Amino acid sequence: MNEAQMAFMFLGFVFTLFNARVFWGLRKRIYIAFPRHARLITLAAGLVCFALLSPVLAMAIGGLSALRSFRDNSPIGVAIACMAMQFAFWLYGAFLALVSTPADISLRIRQIRRLLKDTSEPIPETLEDPERRKLLHRSALMAPAAILATAGLGALASQADPVVSRLPLKLRKGFAALDGVTLAQFSDVHIGSYMSQRRLDVLVDALHALKPDIILCTGDLIDNHEDQLAPATEFLSRLKAPRGIYMCMGNHEYISAMSTSDAMPENIIKPLRATGVDVLIAQARKIAINGAHLWLMGTDYPEMRGLPAMLRRTTKQSLDACLGEVRDDGAPRIVLAHNPSQFHEGQERDIDLMLSGHTHGGQISLGRIGDYHFSPVLPFELYHRGLYERQGRQLYVNSGYGGWLPERINCPPEITLVTLQT
């Protein structure tokens, strides 16, 4: 048994203990709120929770392979429902910790004061009226009900059709022939992770409905295994655009390469290129349109811990390689870079627009103030959803189409349509 398998088994064990603790907190509230029917309600809730949280228990017993087997062999609706329930338990656990911690601290302070006063007087109950206590606990059950409803709606939203975000890109003088040219970007499909064939069909139709001149994929088309190559290449072969289809590498393309017999990136790259898609790896292309042209570049995924043999290039090396193939002729320069953190280096370069993905927009969004988009990703990466501008350079981070967690709240699946304008 390798270290990764042990790590996932340990993680599954921790999550299982966490789920049990959260359910115990829910059980206490049920017994106080509904003393007459508490056993029946708890039994029914327990059976539902056990069934929907069983994938985590499977991970504790069999590691990541057991979790993947459950996900891949279950109807997609069941797999999504299970992850929605786990998401609800995470939220409710956080809620319980937030609510109970002040009360626990207050109780401990009172206990210390009693010890210091050397008194045996009992600590008075905060609520002496049992009926009032029962009413408050029934009200408290509104929190898990609201959390469960939110998780359910978030799961449904994760399967919604993509929204189209439109982004104009100003042309320099002398390139009026490119006015109206469109580029449609999609990202992070994660084929193999809660991605049905129906949703792939929807994405193909949505891209074609926009009638873009160029279609762009900014990585993580597949999730984690070479077995996902077949549906990925079938999907790519269906895409049509008059000026071509281009793609850059995401970290999950490299993770998938690790699953092949010799762990070589070419095992993933060659089948993708065989579909006719131009996979740009620290490379540039001159795309001629209407007697003018634009420059399209694709960076390699930056160095990443755990994959040293595959990811040798830094962002600086990638951009140096790309720009080394580009002439300084005033034509638009568009860069595909899966990880938006590459914009820290990109904003120092002579480019017009960087298109990224990777973050899935955080998948949960509480809105944006200035450059700060409030989501779970913000503590780790400022650039994670929407448009950013630095020193005249632009970055657009696409919210993605799929995800490893089938939850989206105020962050719908997205296609970005870039339109060149005079």
Protein backbone atom coordinates (compact mmCIF):
# COMPACT_ATOMS: atom_id res chain seq x y z
CA MET A 1 0.00 0.00 0.00
CA ASN A 2 1.57 3.31 -1.10
CA GLU A 3 1.73 6.54 0.87
CA ALA A 4 -0.98 8.24 -1.20
CA GLN A 5 -3.41 5.39 -0.50
CA MET A 6 -2.65 5.57 3.22
CA ALA A 7 -3.14 9.33 3.19
CA PHE A 8 -6.58 9.08 1.60
CA MET A 9 -7.61 6.30 3.99
CA PHE A 10 -6.58 8.50 6.91
CA LEU A 11 -8.49 11.43 5.40
CA GLY A 12 -11.57 9.21 5.00
CA PHE A 13 -11.24 8.12 8.64
CA VAL A 14 -11.03 11.75 9.81
CA PHE A 15 -14.06 12.75 7.73
CA THR A 16 -16.01 9.76 9.06
CA LEU A 17 -15.29 10.81 12.66
CA PHE A 18 -16.24 14.38 11.77
CA ASN A 19 -19.53 13.22 10.21
CA ALA A 20 -20.33 11.12 13.29
CA ARG A 21 -19.67 14.08 15.58
CA VAL A 22 -21.86 16.38 13.48
CA PHE A 23 -24.68 13.83 13.43
CA TRP A 24 -24.43 13.49 17.22
CA GLY A 25 -24.90 17.25 17.53
CA LEU A 26 -27.96 17.02 15.26
CA ARG A 27 -29.30 14.07 17.26
CA LYS A 28 -29.11 16.03 20.53
CA ARG A 29 -31.18 18.81 19.04
CA ILE A 30 -33.76 16.38 17.64
CA TYR A 31 -34.21 14.72 21.07
CA ILE A 32 -34.79 18.06 22.76
CA ALA A 33 -37.02 19.49 20.04
CA PHE A 34 -39.18 16.36 19.44
CA PRO A 35 -38.99 14.16 22.56
CA ARG A 36 -42.02 12.05 21.62
CA HIS A 37 -40.84 11.06 18.15
CA ALA A 38 -37.09 11.55 18.60
CA ARG A 39 -36.13 7.90 18.08
CA LEU A 40 -38.10 7.55 14.85
CA ILE A 41 -36.85 10.87 13.45
CA THR A 42 -33.25 10.09 14.42
CA LEU A 43 -33.45 6.61 12.91
CA ALA A 44 -34.84 7.93 9.61
CA ALA A 45 -32.29 10.76 9.47
CA GLY A 46 -29.49 8.36 10.41
CA LEU A 47 -30.33 5.91 7.63
CA VAL A 48 -30.44 8.68 5.01
CA CYS A 49 -27.19 10.22 6.23
CA PHE A 50 -25.43 6.85 6.44
CA ALA A 51 -26.45 5.99 2.87
CA LEU A 52 -25.41 9.34 1.42
CA LEU A 53 -22.18 9.61 3.42
CA SER A 54 -21.06 6.05 2.68
CA PRO A 55 -18.52 7.17 0.03
CA VAL A 56 -16.43 8.76 2.79
CA LEU A 57 -16.64 5.54 4.80
CA ALA A 58 -15.56 3.66 1.66
CA MET A 59 -12.56 6.00 1.36
CA ALA A 60 -11.62 5.23 4.97
CA ILE A 61 -11.60 1.52 4.16
CA GLY A 62 -10.24 1.46 0.61
CA GLY A 63 -8.65 4.86 -0.01
CA LEU A 64 -9.08 7.02 -3.09
CA SER A 65 -9.58 4.03 -5.39
CA ALA A 66 -12.68 3.01 -3.42
CA LEU A 67 -14.07 6.53 -3.59
CA ARG A 68 -13.46 6.70 -7.35
CA SER A 69 -15.03 3.28 -7.85
CA PHE A 70 -18.15 4.39 -6.01
CA ARG A 71 -18.34 7.61 -8.02
CA ASP A 72 -17.70 5.96 -11.39
CA ASN A 73 -20.06 3.01 -10.88
CA SER A 74 -22.97 4.87 -9.29
CA PRO A 75 -25.64 6.75 -11.25
CA ILE A 76 -24.40 10.32 -11.54
CA GLY A 77 -27.43 11.64 -9.66
CA VAL A 78 -26.60 9.40 -6.70
CA ALA A 79 -22.94 10.43 -6.73
CA ILE A 80 -23.89 14.11 -6.77
CA ALA A 81 -26.44 13.63 -3.96
CA CYS A 82 -23.76 11.96 -1.82
CA MET A 83 -21.32 14.81 -2.31
CA ALA A 84 -24.09 17.35 -1.65
CA MET A 85 -24.79 15.67 1.69
CA GLN A 86 -21.10 15.69 2.59
CA PHE A 87 -20.93 19.37 1.68
CA ALA A 88 -23.95 20.01 3.92
CA PHE A 89 -22.23 18.19 6.80
CA TRP A 90 -19.10 20.34 6.35
CA LEU A 91 -21.21 23.49 6.49
CA TYR A 92 -23.27 22.32 9.45
CA GLY A 93 -20.15 21.24 11.31
CA ALA A 94 -18.68 24.70 10.82
CA PHE A 95 -21.98 26.24 11.96
CA LEU A 96 -22.05 24.11 15.13
CA ALA A 97 -18.46 25.05 15.95
CA LEU A 98 -19.23 28.73 15.41
CA VAL A 99 -22.35 28.63 17.59
CA SER A 100 -21.14 26.34 20.37
CA THR A 101 -17.64 27.73 20.86
CA PRO A 102 -18.71 30.99 22.62
CA ALA A 103 -21.07 29.03 24.88
CA ASP A 104 -18.33 26.49 25.74
CA ILE A 105 -15.88 29.27 26.52
CA SER A 106 -18.45 30.98 28.74
CA LEU A 107 -19.11 27.72 30.60
CA ARG A 108 -15.39 27.10 31.17
CA ILE A 109 -14.94 30.66 32.50
CA ARG A 110 -17.77 30.15 34.98
CA GLN A 111 -16.29 26.83 36.08
CA ILE A 112 -12.90 28.48 36.69
CA ARG A 113 -14.55 31.27 38.66
CA ARG A 114 -16.32 28.68 40.85
CA LEU A 115 -13.03 26.95 41.54
CA LEU A 116 -11.34 30.24 42.43
CA LYS A 117 -14.20 31.16 44.79
CA ASP A 118 -14.10 27.65 46.27
CA THR A 119 -17.86 27.37 46.18
CA SER A 120 -19.99 24.31 45.64
CA GLU A 121 -22.99 26.24 44.36
CA PRO A 122 -24.27 24.73 41.10
CA ILE A 123 -24.02 26.70 37.88
CA PRO A 124 -27.55 27.87 37.05
CA GLU A 125 -29.06 26.63 33.83
CA THR A 126 -29.20 29.30 31.16
CA LEU A 127 -32.74 28.17 30.27
CA GLU A 128 -34.85 26.98 33.17
CA ASP A 129 -38.08 26.82 31.16
CA PRO A 130 -38.13 23.43 29.34
CA GLU A 131 -40.82 24.58 26.92
CA ARG A 132 -38.79 27.61 25.95
CA ARG A 133 -35.74 25.39 25.58
CA LYS A 134 -37.70 23.01 23.34
CA LEU A 135 -38.96 25.88 21.18
CA LEU A 136 -35.44 27.27 20.75
CA HIS A 137 -34.08 23.87 19.75
CA ARG A 138 -36.85 23.45 17.20
CA SER A 139 -35.87 26.82 15.80
CA ALA A 140 -32.25 25.68 15.78
CA LEU A 141 -33.23 22.83 13.43
CA MET A 142 -33.96 25.49 10.81
CA ALA A 143 -30.19 25.90 10.40
CA PRO A 144 -29.47 22.33 9.23
CA ALA A 145 -32.62 22.41 7.10
CA ALA A 146 -31.46 25.64 5.41
CA ILE A 147 -27.94 24.25 4.96
CA LEU A 148 -29.26 21.05 3.41
CA ALA A 149 -31.49 23.04 1.06
CA THR A 150 -28.54 25.25 0.07
CA ALA A 151 -26.37 22.22 -0.62
CA GLY A 152 -29.14 20.66 -2.71
CA LEU A 153 -29.65 23.82 -4.75
CA GLY A 154 -25.88 24.15 -5.15
CA ALA A 155 -25.71 20.61 -6.51
CA LEU A 156 -28.45 21.38 -9.03
CA ALA A 157 -26.69 24.63 -10.01
CA SER A 158 -23.47 22.71 -10.68
CA GLN A 159 -25.29 20.82 -13.43
CA ALA A 160 -26.78 23.93 -15.05
CA ASP A 161 -26.09 25.11 -18.60
CA PRO A 162 -23.16 27.52 -18.91
CA VAL A 163 -23.62 31.27 -18.81
CA VAL A 164 -21.80 33.34 -21.45
CA SER A 165 -19.58 36.17 -20.20
CA ARG A 166 -18.69 38.64 -22.94
CA LEU A 167 -15.30 40.35 -22.93
CA PRO A 168 -14.32 43.03 -25.48
CA LEU A 169 -10.63 43.36 -26.39
CA LYS A 170 -9.52 46.65 -27.92
CA LEU A 171 -7.49 46.47 -31.14
CA ARG A 172 -4.56 48.72 -31.98
CA LYS A 173 -4.60 50.87 -35.11
CA GLY A 174 -3.90 48.97 -38.29
CA PHE A 175 -5.80 45.84 -37.25
CA ALA A 176 -9.36 46.84 -38.17
CA ALA A 177 -9.61 43.65 -40.26
CA LEU A 178 -9.86 41.73 -36.96
CA ASP A 179 -12.88 43.73 -35.78
CA GLY A 180 -15.62 41.32 -34.72
CA VAL A 181 -13.39 38.24 -34.50
CA THR A 182 -14.52 36.06 -31.57
CA LEU A 183 -12.76 33.54 -29.35
CA ALA A 184 -14.80 31.24 -27.09
CA GLN A 185 -13.02 29.98 -23.97
CA PHE A 186 -14.06 27.07 -21.77
CA SER A 187 -12.11 25.53 -18.92
CA ASP A 188 -11.97 22.85 -16.23
CA VAL A 189 -14.47 20.38 -17.63
CA HIS A 190 -12.98 17.59 -15.46
CA ILE A 191 -14.31 14.72 -17.53
CA GLY A 192 -14.57 11.79 -15.14
CA SER A 193 -15.69 13.85 -12.15
CA TYR A 194 -19.49 14.26 -12.04
CA MET A 195 -19.53 15.08 -15.77
CA SER A 196 -22.30 13.33 -17.70
CA GLN A 197 -22.46 12.81 -21.43
CA ARG A 198 -25.53 15.03 -21.49
CA ARG A 199 -23.55 17.94 -20.05
CA LEU A 200 -20.77 17.40 -22.59
CA ASP A 201 -23.40 17.57 -25.34
CA VAL A 202 -24.73 20.80 -23.83
CA LEU A 203 -21.24 22.33 -23.84
CA VAL A 204 -20.65 21.40 -27.48
CA ASP A 205 -23.98 22.91 -28.49
CA ALA A 206 -23.39 26.06 -26.42
CA LEU A 207 -19.97 26.65 -27.96
CA HIS A 208 -21.25 26.11 -31.51
CA ALA A 209 -24.26 28.37 -30.90
CA LEU A 210 -21.85 31.27 -30.36
CA LYS A 211 -20.27 30.64 -33.79
CA PRO A 212 -16.79 31.66 -32.61
CA ASP A 213 -13.87 31.98 -35.00
CA ILE A 214 -11.61 30.22 -32.50
CA ILE A 215 -12.36 27.85 -29.60
CA LEU A 216 -9.98 27.79 -26.62
CA CYS A 217 -9.64 25.31 -23.75
CA THR A 218 -7.55 26.45 -20.79
CA GLY A 219 -6.80 23.04 -19.29
CA ASP A 220 -8.16 20.38 -16.93
CA LEU A 221 -10.29 18.84 -19.64
CA ILE A 222 -9.85 15.47 -17.95
CA ASP A 223 -9.79 14.79 -14.24
CA ASN A 224 -7.23 12.24 -13.09
CA HIS A 225 -6.88 9.07 -15.19
CA GLU A 226 -6.02 7.94 -18.71
CA ASP A 227 -9.38 6.08 -18.82
CA GLN A 228 -10.97 9.52 -19.27
CA LEU A 229 -9.07 10.13 -22.51
CA ALA A 230 -11.65 8.34 -24.67
CA PRO A 231 -14.61 10.61 -23.78
CA ALA A 232 -12.26 13.63 -23.81
CA THR A 233 -10.98 12.98 -27.32
CA GLU A 234 -14.50 12.19 -28.54
CA PHE A 235 -15.64 15.52 -27.10
CA LEU A 236 -12.78 17.47 -28.72
CA SER A 237 -13.32 15.81 -32.10
CA ARG A 238 -16.87 17.19 -32.17
CA LEU A 239 -15.80 20.81 -31.75
CA LYS A 240 -15.64 22.92 -34.91
CA ALA A 241 -14.29 26.44 -35.39
CA PRO A 242 -13.18 28.01 -38.71
CA ARG A 243 -9.86 29.31 -37.32
CA GLY A 244 -9.02 26.35 -35.14
CA ILE A 245 -9.24 24.91 -31.65
CA TYR A 246 -6.40 25.46 -29.18
CA MET A 247 -5.62 24.20 -25.70
CA CYS A 248 -3.05 24.65 -22.95
CA MET A 249 -2.10 22.06 -20.35
CA GLY A 250 -3.69 22.01 -16.91
CA ASN A 251 -2.33 20.31 -13.83
CA HIS A 252 -4.92 17.53 -14.18
CA GLU A 253 -3.60 16.60 -17.62
CA TYR A 254 -0.28 15.94 -15.91
CA ILE A 255 -1.94 14.15 -12.99
CA SER A 256 -3.66 11.90 -15.54
CA ALA A 257 -0.30 11.20 -17.18
CA MET A 258 0.88 9.80 -13.85
CA SER A 259 -1.75 7.07 -14.17
CA THR A 260 -0.25 5.73 -17.41
CA SER A 261 2.13 2.76 -17.48
CA ASP A 262 5.31 4.84 -17.85
CA ALA A 263 3.94 8.11 -16.42
CA MET A 264 4.88 10.12 -19.51
CA PRO A 265 3.01 13.32 -20.49
CA GLU A 266 3.04 12.29 -24.15
CA ASN A 267 0.58 9.51 -23.28
CA ILE A 268 -1.99 12.25 -22.70
CA ILE A 269 -0.73 14.93 -25.10
CA LYS A 270 -0.54 12.80 -28.26
CA PRO A 271 -4.19 11.57 -28.13
CA LEU A 272 -5.38 15.13 -27.49
CA ARG A 273 -3.42 16.42 -30.48
CA ALA A 274 -4.65 13.54 -32.64
CA THR A 275 -8.15 15.09 -32.51
CA GLY A 276 -6.85 18.09 -34.47
CA VAL A 277 -6.70 20.34 -31.42
CA ASP A 278 -3.48 22.36 -31.23
CA VAL A 279 -2.12 21.78 -27.71
CA LEU A 280 0.24 24.67 -26.98
CA ILE A 281 2.98 23.91 -24.45
CA ALA A 282 5.17 27.02 -24.10
CA GLN A 283 4.47 27.71 -27.77
CA ALA A 284 2.97 30.46 -29.92
CA ARG A 285 0.90 30.48 -33.09
CA LYS A 286 0.33 33.22 -35.67
CA ILE A 287 -3.32 33.04 -36.72
CA ALA A 288 -4.09 34.80 -40.01
CA ILE A 289 -7.60 36.26 -40.38
CA ASN A 290 -8.93 38.61 -43.10
CA GLY A 291 -5.46 39.67 -44.22
CA ALA A 292 -4.38 40.48 -40.63
CA HIS A 293 -3.29 38.23 -37.77
CA LEU A 294 -3.19 37.72 -34.03
CA TRP A 295 -0.73 35.90 -31.78
CA LEU A 296 -1.97 33.06 -29.60
CA MET A 297 0.31 31.59 -26.94
CA GLY A 298 -0.03 28.72 -24.46
CA THR A 299 2.12 28.45 -21.35
CA ASP A 300 3.06 25.17 -19.73
CA TYR A 301 1.67 24.46 -16.28
CA PRO A 302 4.16 25.93 -13.78
CA GLU A 303 6.37 23.82 -11.56
CA MET A 304 4.30 21.79 -9.14
CA ARG A 305 5.32 19.77 -6.12
CA GLY A 306 4.96 16.04 -6.66
CA LEU A 307 5.43 16.13 -10.42
CA PRO A 308 9.05 17.30 -10.83
CA ALA A 309 9.86 15.10 -13.81
CA MET A 310 6.98 16.48 -15.84
CA LEU A 311 6.78 20.12 -14.92
CA ARG A 312 10.21 21.55 -15.48
CA ARG A 313 9.32 25.04 -16.71
CA THR A 314 8.71 28.02 -14.51
CA THR A 315 6.16 30.62 -15.64
CA LYS A 316 9.06 32.88 -16.60
CA GLN A 317 10.57 30.17 -18.80
CA SER A 318 7.19 29.47 -20.42
CA LEU A 319 6.54 33.12 -21.24
CA ASP A 320 10.10 33.58 -22.48
CA ALA A 321 9.62 30.64 -24.85
CA CYS A 322 6.23 31.91 -26.07
CA LEU A 323 7.31 35.51 -26.62
CA GLY A 324 10.47 34.33 -28.32
CA GLU A 325 8.26 33.09 -31.17
CA VAL A 326 6.27 36.35 -31.44
CA ARG A 327 7.17 39.41 -33.50
CA ASP A 328 6.70 42.94 -32.17
CA ASP A 329 4.22 43.95 -34.88
CA GLY A 330 1.32 45.38 -32.83
CA ALA A 331 -0.94 42.39 -33.39
CA PRO A 332 -3.08 41.23 -30.42
CA ARG A 333 -1.25 38.91 -28.05
CA ILE A 334 -3.45 36.44 -26.20
CA VAL A 335 -2.02 33.94 -23.73
CA LEU A 336 -3.64 30.72 -22.51
CA ALA A 337 -2.42 29.94 -18.99
CA HIS A 338 -4.31 27.41 -16.92
CA ASN A 339 -3.19 28.78 -13.55
CA PRO A 340 -4.12 32.47 -13.05
CA SER A 341 -1.18 32.91 -10.67
CA GLN A 342 0.91 33.06 -13.85
CA PHE A 343 -0.45 36.59 -14.31
CA HIS A 344 1.93 37.76 -11.57
CA GLU A 345 4.64 37.24 -14.19
CA GLY A 346 2.41 37.90 -17.21
CA GLN A 347 1.53 41.44 -16.16
CA GLU A 348 5.21 42.32 -16.54
CA ARG A 349 5.23 41.12 -20.17
CA ASP A 350 4.07 42.69 -23.39
CA ILE A 351 0.75 40.86 -23.73
CA ASP A 352 -2.83 42.05 -24.18
CA LEU A 353 -4.88 39.34 -22.51
CA MET A 354 -4.29 36.21 -20.45
CA LEU A 355 -7.09 33.64 -20.25
CA SER A 356 -7.06 31.24 -17.29
CA GLY A 357 -9.14 28.79 -15.32
CA HIS A 358 -8.00 26.38 -12.58
CA THR A 359 -9.88 27.94 -9.62
CA HIS A 360 -13.45 27.13 -10.79
CA GLY A 361 -14.24 30.66 -9.63
CA GLY A 362 -14.21 29.34 -6.07
CA GLN A 363 -17.54 27.57 -6.88
CA ILE A 364 -19.11 29.49 -3.97
CA SER A 365 -19.25 33.26 -4.31
CA LEU A 366 -20.41 35.93 -1.88
CA GLY A 367 -19.85 38.76 -4.35
CA ARG A 368 -16.98 41.01 -5.36
CA ILE A 369 -15.68 44.36 -4.13
CA GLY A 370 -13.02 45.77 -6.44
CA ASP A 371 -10.52 43.01 -7.15
CA TYR A 372 -11.64 40.97 -4.14
CA HIS A 373 -14.03 38.20 -5.08
CA PHE A 374 -15.20 36.63 -1.83
CA SER A 375 -15.01 32.86 -2.17
CA PRO A 376 -13.10 29.97 -0.54
CA VAL A 377 -10.23 30.58 -2.99
CA LEU A 378 -9.55 34.20 -1.99
CA PRO A 379 -7.20 33.39 0.93
CA PHE A 380 -4.98 31.47 -1.50
CA GLU A 381 -5.24 33.40 -4.77
CA LEU A 382 -6.41 36.94 -5.54
CA TYR A 383 -6.92 36.23 -9.23
CA HIS A 384 -9.61 33.58 -9.26
CA ARG A 385 -12.74 34.80 -11.03
CA GLY A 386 -13.58 37.39 -13.67
CA LEU A 387 -11.58 40.29 -15.09
CA TYR A 388 -8.45 41.84 -13.62
CA GLU A 389 -6.26 44.60 -15.07
CA ARG A 390 -2.68 45.48 -14.20
CA GLN A 391 -0.38 47.89 -16.01
CA GLY A 392 -2.55 47.77 -19.12
CA ARG A 393 -2.51 43.94 -19.18
CA GLN A 394 -5.75 42.03 -18.73
CA LEU A 395 -6.50 38.67 -17.12
CA TYR A 396 -9.81 36.86 -17.35
CA VAL A 397 -10.36 33.84 -15.11
CA ASN A 398 -13.10 31.54 -16.34
CA SER A 399 -15.22 29.88 -13.62
CA GLY A 400 -15.00 26.51 -15.35
CA TYR A 401 -17.62 24.02 -16.41
CA GLY A 402 -17.04 21.06 -14.10
CA GLY A 403 -15.32 20.54 -10.77
CA TRP A 404 -14.18 17.94 -8.27
CA LEU A 405 -17.03 19.02 -5.97
CA PRO A 406 -20.50 19.17 -7.60
CA GLU A 407 -21.53 22.37 -5.83
CA ARG A 408 -21.93 25.88 -7.22
CA ILE A 409 -23.47 28.79 -5.32
CA ASN A 410 -23.68 32.14 -7.12
CA CYS A 411 -20.93 30.88 -9.45
CA PRO A 412 -22.47 29.21 -12.52
CA PRO A 413 -20.58 27.20 -15.15
CA GLU A 414 -19.16 29.60 -17.70
CA ILE A 415 -18.07 30.19 -21.29
CA THR A 416 -16.07 33.36 -21.99
CA LEU A 417 -16.60 35.01 -25.37
CA VAL A 418 -13.80 37.42 -26.28
CA THR A 419 -14.61 39.83 -29.12
CA LEU A 420 -11.89 41.87 -30.83
CA GLN A 421 -13.06 45.46 -31.35
CA THR A 422 -11.65 48.58 -32.97
